[in-house]
Amino acid sequence: MSMSAEPALPARLTALISEGLRPVETTLIDGKAIAASLRHRVAAAASEFKARQGVAPGLATVLVGDDPASEVYVRSKRKAAREAGFESIEHRLPAGIGEADLIALVRRLNDDAAIDGILVQLPLPRGIDARRVIDALDPAKDVDGFHTENVGRLWSGEAGLTPCTPLGCVLLLKSVLPSLAGLGAVVLGRSTIVGKPMAALLLAQDCTVTTAHSKSRDLPAICRRADILVAAVGRAEMVRGSWIKPGAVVIDVGINRIAGAQGKGRLVGDVAFAEAQGVAGAITPVPGGVGPMTIACLLRNTLVAAGRRRGFAVSL
C-alpha cells in the first residue's frame, strides 16, 4: 500500500521557506481589519433581520461584582452590540449575590422572548460555581459557547454555538491559508475556553492536531513540527523564535502586561514577537490580533442564535 505525500504548505509560505529555510518577510495578520469586516457584515445582516422580523437581536450581559477588567470587557461588548444594531441589556449584580439568585436571573433571561443571547462575564466571584451557572443557560442562547451541550455539539460536529476566541482564530487562519486541510497544528494550552475548543475546530478543518500543555515533554520540539501554532498559555513571551517552524502561521492568543520602559506597562503575547518575525510566515500581533475577533464573533454568535430561534437564515 502506497503512502500519500504530506500536504504542502500554501505556495506563498513555501516560497518564503525556500529562501534559506527562513522567510524573507513575516506577514502580520490584521485582526482589527478582519474583525471590522465581520462586524460590518453582522450589522448589515442584523438590519435585514430587524426589517423582516420587526425586532432587533437581543443580547443580555450579566456582570457580577466590580472587577475592573470585567467592567471594561462588558462595556466594550455592549458598545459593539449597539453599534451592530442589537438591543443590549445589562444586568449588574453585587459581588455578594448568592449562586441561587444568579441562576434565577439566568433562567428568567432564558424565558425572555426578547433575549436571543446571554453572556455571563467570567470570572465569577468566589463561592459561585461558574459551571453550574453556565449550564443553567439555555444552550440556544449561550453565545459564549461554554454550555456542556454546546461543547458536546462542537466535538461531535453538530451545529451549536462556538466559543468566540477559537472561532476568531480559525477566521484569522483562513485569512492567510486557502485551506487548513492536512496541515499539522499545535495548540499550546488546554483551557476549556480556548485550548480545547481550538483543537476541536482545527480537527473539523481536517488538520492533524496536537494539544500541548505544561506537562508535555520538550515543548520546543513539539512546536517546531507545527505548520499552524496557536499559543494560548497566558505566559508572557514563552514561545521563542527558535520554537517556530520556518514559514509556520502563528496565532498568539495571549494578552500579558509586563513592565516597559520608564516603568510603563505594555501588552505582549505568549510569543516572543520580535524573535518570531523573520521565522514565522504569518503571525498575529498583540494587541490588534486575536482580541478584536473575540467581540466580533460574539456579535456573530448572537445573530446566529437569533436567526435559529426565529427561523431566519443568517449568512455571513
Protein backbone atom coordinates (compact mmCIF):
# COMPACT_ATOMS: atom_id res chain seq x y z
CA MET A 1 0.00 0.00 0.00
CA SER A 2 1.47 3.35 -1.02
CA MET A 3 1.58 6.26 1.39
CA SER A 4 0.28 9.60 0.14
CA ALA A 5 2.62 12.57 0.33
CA GLU A 6 2.22 15.12 3.11
CA PRO A 7 0.07 18.09 2.06
CA ALA A 8 2.24 21.02 1.05
CA LEU A 9 2.08 24.40 2.69
CA PRO A 10 0.45 27.10 0.55
CA ALA A 11 2.70 28.34 -2.24
CA ARG A 12 3.22 31.76 -0.65
CA LEU A 13 4.63 30.26 2.53
CA THR A 14 6.58 27.59 0.67
CA ALA A 15 8.31 30.32 -1.31
CA LEU A 16 9.31 32.04 1.90
CA ILE A 17 10.74 28.85 3.37
CA SER A 18 12.80 28.20 0.24
CA GLU A 19 14.85 31.33 0.95
CA GLY A 20 17.50 29.58 3.02
CA LEU A 21 14.77 27.99 5.16
CA ARG A 22 13.98 31.43 6.60
CA PRO A 23 11.17 33.68 5.44
CA VAL A 24 12.20 36.98 3.91
CA GLU A 25 9.21 38.76 5.46
CA THR A 26 6.64 37.81 8.07
CA THR A 27 3.05 38.71 7.21
CA LEU A 28 1.17 40.45 10.02
CA ILE A 29 -2.40 39.19 10.32
CA ASP A 30 -4.50 42.30 10.88
CA GLY A 31 -7.13 41.22 13.39
CA LYS A 32 -8.56 44.73 13.63
CA ALA A 33 -9.33 44.88 9.92
CA ILE A 34 -10.72 41.34 9.74
CA ALA A 35 -12.88 41.93 12.82
CA ALA A 36 -14.13 45.23 11.40
CA SER A 37 -15.18 43.46 8.21
CA LEU A 38 -17.06 40.79 10.18
CA ARG A 39 -18.78 43.40 12.35
CA HIS A 40 -19.86 45.29 9.22
CA ARG A 41 -21.40 42.11 7.79
CA VAL A 42 -23.13 41.36 11.10
CA ALA A 43 -24.57 44.87 11.25
CA ALA A 44 -25.91 44.58 7.69
CA ALA A 45 -27.47 41.19 8.44
CA ALA A 46 -28.92 42.50 11.74
CA SER A 47 -30.57 45.37 9.84
CA GLU A 48 -32.17 42.89 7.45
CA PHE A 49 -33.20 40.70 10.40
CA LYS A 50 -34.96 43.63 12.07
CA ALA A 51 -36.66 44.68 8.84
CA ARG A 52 -38.08 41.19 8.36
CA GLN A 53 -38.74 40.17 11.97
CA GLY A 54 -39.78 43.53 13.39
CA VAL A 55 -37.33 43.21 16.31
CA ALA A 56 -33.57 43.56 16.70
CA PRO A 57 -31.41 40.72 18.02
CA GLY A 58 -31.25 40.98 21.81
CA LEU A 59 -28.06 40.46 23.84
CA ALA A 60 -28.11 40.37 27.65
CA THR A 61 -24.86 40.76 29.58
CA VAL A 62 -24.56 39.76 33.23
CA LEU A 63 -21.74 41.30 35.27
CA VAL A 64 -21.26 40.20 38.88
CA GLY A 65 -19.07 42.34 41.13
CA ASP A 66 -16.80 45.23 40.25
CA ASP A 67 -13.70 43.64 38.71
CA PRO A 68 -12.16 46.46 36.61
CA ALA A 69 -11.10 44.22 33.72
CA SER A 70 -14.54 42.61 33.54
CA GLU A 71 -16.19 46.03 33.54
CA VAL A 72 -14.04 47.07 30.58
CA TYR A 73 -14.85 43.88 28.66
CA VAL A 74 -18.59 44.16 29.26
CA ARG A 75 -18.63 47.84 28.32
CA SER A 76 -16.82 47.03 25.05
CA LYS A 77 -19.26 44.23 24.27
CA ARG A 78 -22.31 46.39 24.94
CA LYS A 79 -20.93 49.21 22.80
CA ALA A 80 -20.23 46.80 19.93
CA ALA A 81 -23.72 45.31 20.23
CA ARG A 82 -25.36 48.72 20.00
CA GLU A 83 -23.21 49.66 17.01
CA ALA A 84 -24.35 46.47 15.28
CA GLY A 85 -27.99 47.44 15.79
CA PHE A 86 -28.70 44.97 18.61
CA GLU A 87 -30.79 45.54 21.69
CA SER A 88 -28.26 45.45 24.53
CA ILE A 89 -29.46 44.82 28.09
CA GLU A 90 -27.06 44.88 31.03
CA HIS A 91 -27.56 43.28 34.43
CA ARG A 92 -25.07 44.45 37.08
CA LEU A 93 -25.14 42.42 40.27
CA PRO A 94 -23.27 42.83 43.58
CA ALA A 95 -20.32 40.56 44.30
CA GLY A 96 -22.16 39.15 47.29
CA ILE A 97 -25.09 37.77 45.32
CA GLY A 98 -25.85 34.14 46.03
CA GLU A 99 -25.44 31.44 43.40
CA ALA A 100 -29.14 30.58 43.54
CA ASP A 101 -30.14 34.19 42.86
CA LEU A 102 -27.75 34.42 39.92
CA ILE A 103 -29.10 31.20 38.43
CA ALA A 104 -32.65 32.51 38.93
CA LEU A 105 -31.76 35.58 36.83
CA VAL A 106 -30.27 33.36 34.13
CA ARG A 107 -33.48 31.34 33.98
CA ARG A 108 -35.59 34.50 33.67
CA LEU A 109 -33.43 35.56 30.73
CA ASN A 110 -33.86 32.09 29.22
CA ASP A 111 -37.62 32.66 29.27
CA ASP A 112 -37.46 36.23 27.92
CA ALA A 113 -38.54 36.16 24.27
CA ALA A 114 -36.74 39.44 23.56
CA ILE A 115 -33.35 37.96 24.52
CA ASP A 116 -31.50 35.92 21.89
CA GLY A 117 -28.10 35.73 23.55
CA ILE A 118 -26.93 35.68 27.16
CA LEU A 119 -23.37 36.39 28.24
CA VAL A 120 -22.33 35.83 31.85
CA GLN A 121 -18.99 37.60 32.26
CA LEU A 122 -16.28 35.41 33.77
CA PRO A 123 -14.63 35.08 36.21
CA LEU A 124 -17.36 34.99 38.83
CA PRO A 125 -16.71 35.81 42.49
CA ARG A 126 -15.58 33.11 44.89
CA GLY A 127 -18.38 30.99 46.21
CA ILE A 128 -20.21 30.81 42.88
CA ASP A 129 -19.75 27.68 40.77
CA ALA A 130 -19.29 29.01 37.23
CA ARG A 131 -20.08 25.63 35.69
CA ARG A 132 -23.48 25.48 37.40
CA VAL A 133 -24.28 29.00 36.24
CA ILE A 134 -23.22 28.36 32.63
CA ASP A 135 -25.13 25.09 32.47
CA ALA A 136 -28.25 26.89 33.70
CA LEU A 137 -28.22 28.84 30.40
CA ASP A 138 -30.48 27.84 27.55
CA PRO A 139 -27.86 26.32 25.17
CA ALA A 140 -29.57 28.11 22.26
CA LYS A 141 -28.79 31.48 23.95
CA ASP A 142 -25.30 30.58 25.18
CA VAL A 143 -23.40 32.95 22.86
CA ASP A 144 -20.08 32.24 24.61
CA GLY A 145 -20.43 28.59 23.59
CA PHE A 146 -19.45 27.29 27.05
CA HIS A 147 -22.57 25.24 27.90
CA THR A 148 -21.91 21.50 28.15
CA GLU A 149 -24.37 20.85 25.31
CA ASN A 150 -22.57 23.27 23.00
CA VAL A 151 -19.22 21.72 23.93
CA GLY A 152 -20.59 18.30 23.02
CA ARG A 153 -22.01 19.59 19.75
CA LEU A 154 -18.65 21.11 18.84
CA TRP A 155 -16.75 17.86 19.38
CA SER A 156 -19.40 15.78 17.62
CA GLY A 157 -19.52 18.09 14.60
CA GLU A 158 -23.13 19.15 15.13
CA ALA A 159 -24.46 22.69 14.84
CA GLY A 160 -24.18 24.67 18.05
CA LEU A 161 -22.72 27.93 19.32
CA THR A 162 -18.92 28.02 19.16
CA PRO A 163 -16.62 29.74 21.69
CA CYS A 164 -15.78 33.17 20.34
CA THR A 165 -11.99 33.32 20.68
CA PRO A 166 -11.26 29.96 18.98
CA LEU A 167 -13.77 30.78 16.24
CA GLY A 168 -11.96 34.08 15.67
CA CYS A 169 -8.64 32.24 15.48
CA VAL A 170 -9.95 30.00 12.71
CA LEU A 171 -11.14 33.04 10.75
CA LEU A 172 -7.69 34.61 11.12
CA LEU A 173 -6.04 31.42 9.87
CA LYS A 174 -8.34 31.34 6.86
CA SER A 175 -7.34 34.90 6.00
CA VAL A 176 -3.82 33.69 5.10
CA LEU A 177 -4.32 29.99 4.35
CA PRO A 178 -6.61 28.96 1.48
CA SER A 179 -7.10 25.56 3.13
CA LEU A 180 -6.19 24.13 6.54
CA ALA A 181 -6.75 20.53 5.46
CA GLY A 182 -3.82 18.23 6.13
CA LEU A 183 -1.69 20.80 7.93
CA GLY A 184 -0.07 19.97 11.25
CA ALA A 185 -1.41 22.15 14.05
CA VAL A 186 -0.15 22.52 17.60
CA VAL A 187 -2.37 24.13 20.22
CA LEU A 188 -0.29 25.22 23.19
CA GLY A 189 -2.72 25.28 26.11
CA ARG A 190 -5.71 23.14 27.06
CA SER A 191 -8.17 25.52 28.72
CA THR A 192 -11.88 24.90 28.24
CA ILE A 193 -12.27 28.46 26.92
CA VAL A 194 -9.58 28.41 24.21
CA GLY A 195 -7.29 25.38 24.01
CA LYS A 196 -9.76 22.51 23.89
CA PRO A 197 -12.34 24.13 21.58
CA MET A 198 -9.48 25.33 19.36
CA ALA A 199 -8.33 21.74 18.94
CA ALA A 200 -11.87 20.65 18.06
CA LEU A 201 -12.25 23.39 15.45
CA LEU A 202 -8.91 22.54 13.84
CA LEU A 203 -9.88 18.86 13.69
CA ALA A 204 -13.10 19.92 11.97
CA GLN A 205 -10.91 21.70 9.38
CA ASP A 206 -9.06 18.39 8.76
CA CYS A 207 -5.84 19.44 10.48
CA THR A 208 -3.63 16.94 12.27
CA VAL A 209 -3.80 18.35 15.80
CA THR A 210 -1.50 18.08 18.81
CA THR A 211 -2.55 19.67 22.10
CA ALA A 212 0.46 20.56 24.22
CA HIS A 213 0.49 21.83 27.80
CA SER A 214 2.63 22.33 30.88
CA LYS A 215 3.29 18.62 31.33
CA SER A 216 4.20 17.95 27.70
CA ARG A 217 7.81 16.87 27.23
CA ASP A 218 10.09 19.01 25.06
CA LEU A 219 7.64 21.74 24.13
CA PRO A 220 10.09 23.44 21.73
CA ALA A 221 10.38 20.28 19.64
CA ILE A 222 6.60 19.80 19.57
CA CYS A 223 6.05 23.41 18.46
CA ARG A 224 8.73 23.18 15.75
CA ARG A 225 6.67 20.50 13.97
CA ALA A 226 3.67 22.79 13.56
CA ASP A 227 2.54 24.35 10.29
CA ILE A 228 -0.02 26.15 12.49
CA LEU A 229 0.92 27.14 16.03
CA VAL A 230 -1.75 28.52 18.39
CA ALA A 231 -0.29 29.85 21.64
CA ALA A 232 -2.81 30.14 24.48
CA VAL A 233 -0.96 29.58 27.75
CA GLY A 234 -1.06 33.00 29.40
CA ARG A 235 2.71 33.25 29.91
CA ALA A 236 4.43 36.32 28.52
CA GLU A 237 6.70 35.58 25.53
CA MET A 238 7.03 31.91 26.46
CA VAL A 239 7.25 30.78 22.83
CA ARG A 240 10.66 31.74 21.47
CA GLY A 241 11.57 32.26 17.85
CA SER A 242 13.57 29.02 17.91
CA TRP A 243 10.38 27.11 18.73
CA ILE A 244 8.74 28.10 15.44
CA LYS A 245 8.94 26.13 12.22
CA PRO A 246 10.11 28.40 9.39
CA GLY A 247 7.06 29.57 7.46
CA ALA A 248 4.53 28.49 10.10
CA VAL A 249 1.41 30.53 10.77
CA VAL A 250 1.36 31.65 14.42
CA ILE A 251 -1.80 32.71 16.25
CA ASP A 252 -0.95 34.38 19.56
CA VAL A 253 -3.94 34.35 21.91
CA GLY A 254 -2.04 35.60 24.96
CA ILE A 255 -2.53 39.04 26.47
CA ASN A 256 0.02 39.72 29.21
CA ARG A 257 1.02 43.01 30.80
CA ILE A 258 4.71 43.41 31.58
CA ALA A 259 6.87 46.28 32.77
CA GLY A 260 8.05 48.55 29.98
CA ALA A 261 10.37 51.49 29.65
CA GLN A 262 10.23 54.14 32.39
CA GLY A 263 8.01 51.92 34.49
CA LYS A 264 5.15 51.93 32.00
CA GLY A 265 3.40 48.64 31.39
CA ARG A 266 2.96 47.18 27.92
CA LEU A 267 0.98 44.31 26.46
CA VAL A 268 2.71 41.28 24.97
CA GLY A 269 1.52 37.90 23.82
CA ASP A 270 2.59 34.36 24.63
CA VAL A 271 5.02 34.52 21.68
CA ALA A 272 8.29 36.50 21.63
CA PHE A 273 7.11 38.63 18.73
CA ALA A 274 10.45 40.17 17.72
CA GLU A 275 12.06 36.72 17.57
CA ALA A 276 9.14 35.26 15.60
CA GLN A 277 9.43 37.86 12.87
CA GLY A 278 11.65 36.57 10.12
CA VAL A 279 10.83 32.97 11.08
CA ALA A 280 7.02 32.73 11.00
CA GLY A 281 5.33 33.02 7.64
CA ALA A 282 2.47 34.93 9.28
CA ILE A 283 1.68 35.99 12.84
CA THR A 284 -0.96 37.89 14.81
CA PRO A 285 0.29 40.93 16.75
CA VAL A 286 -0.59 41.67 20.37
CA PRO A 287 -2.58 43.83 20.68
CA GLY A 288 -4.54 44.00 17.43
CA GLY A 289 -4.66 40.34 16.53
CA VAL A 290 -6.99 37.86 18.23
CA GLY A 291 -8.56 40.32 20.69
CA PRO A 292 -10.78 42.23 18.23
CA MET A 293 -12.04 38.95 16.76
CA THR A 294 -13.49 37.79 20.08
CA ILE A 295 -16.07 40.58 20.25
CA ALA A 296 -16.81 40.33 16.52
CA CYS A 297 -17.52 36.61 16.90
CA LEU A 298 -19.72 37.29 19.94
CA LEU A 299 -21.88 39.51 17.72
CA ARG A 300 -21.86 36.84 15.03
CA ASN A 301 -22.98 34.20 17.55
CA THR A 302 -25.78 36.43 18.85
CA LEU A 303 -27.10 36.98 15.34
CA VAL A 304 -26.87 33.27 14.54
CA ALA A 305 -28.74 32.45 17.77
CA ALA A 306 -31.44 35.00 16.91
CA GLY A 307 -31.81 33.55 13.44
CA ARG A 308 -32.11 29.97 14.67
CA ARG A 309 -34.72 30.91 17.26
CA ARG A 310 -36.84 32.74 14.70
CA GLY A 311 -36.30 30.66 11.55
CA PHE A 312 -34.24 33.36 9.87
CA ALA A 313 -31.29 32.10 7.80
CA VAL A 314 -28.14 34.09 8.63
CA SER A 315 -25.42 34.22 6.01
CA LEU A 316 -22.11 35.86 6.95
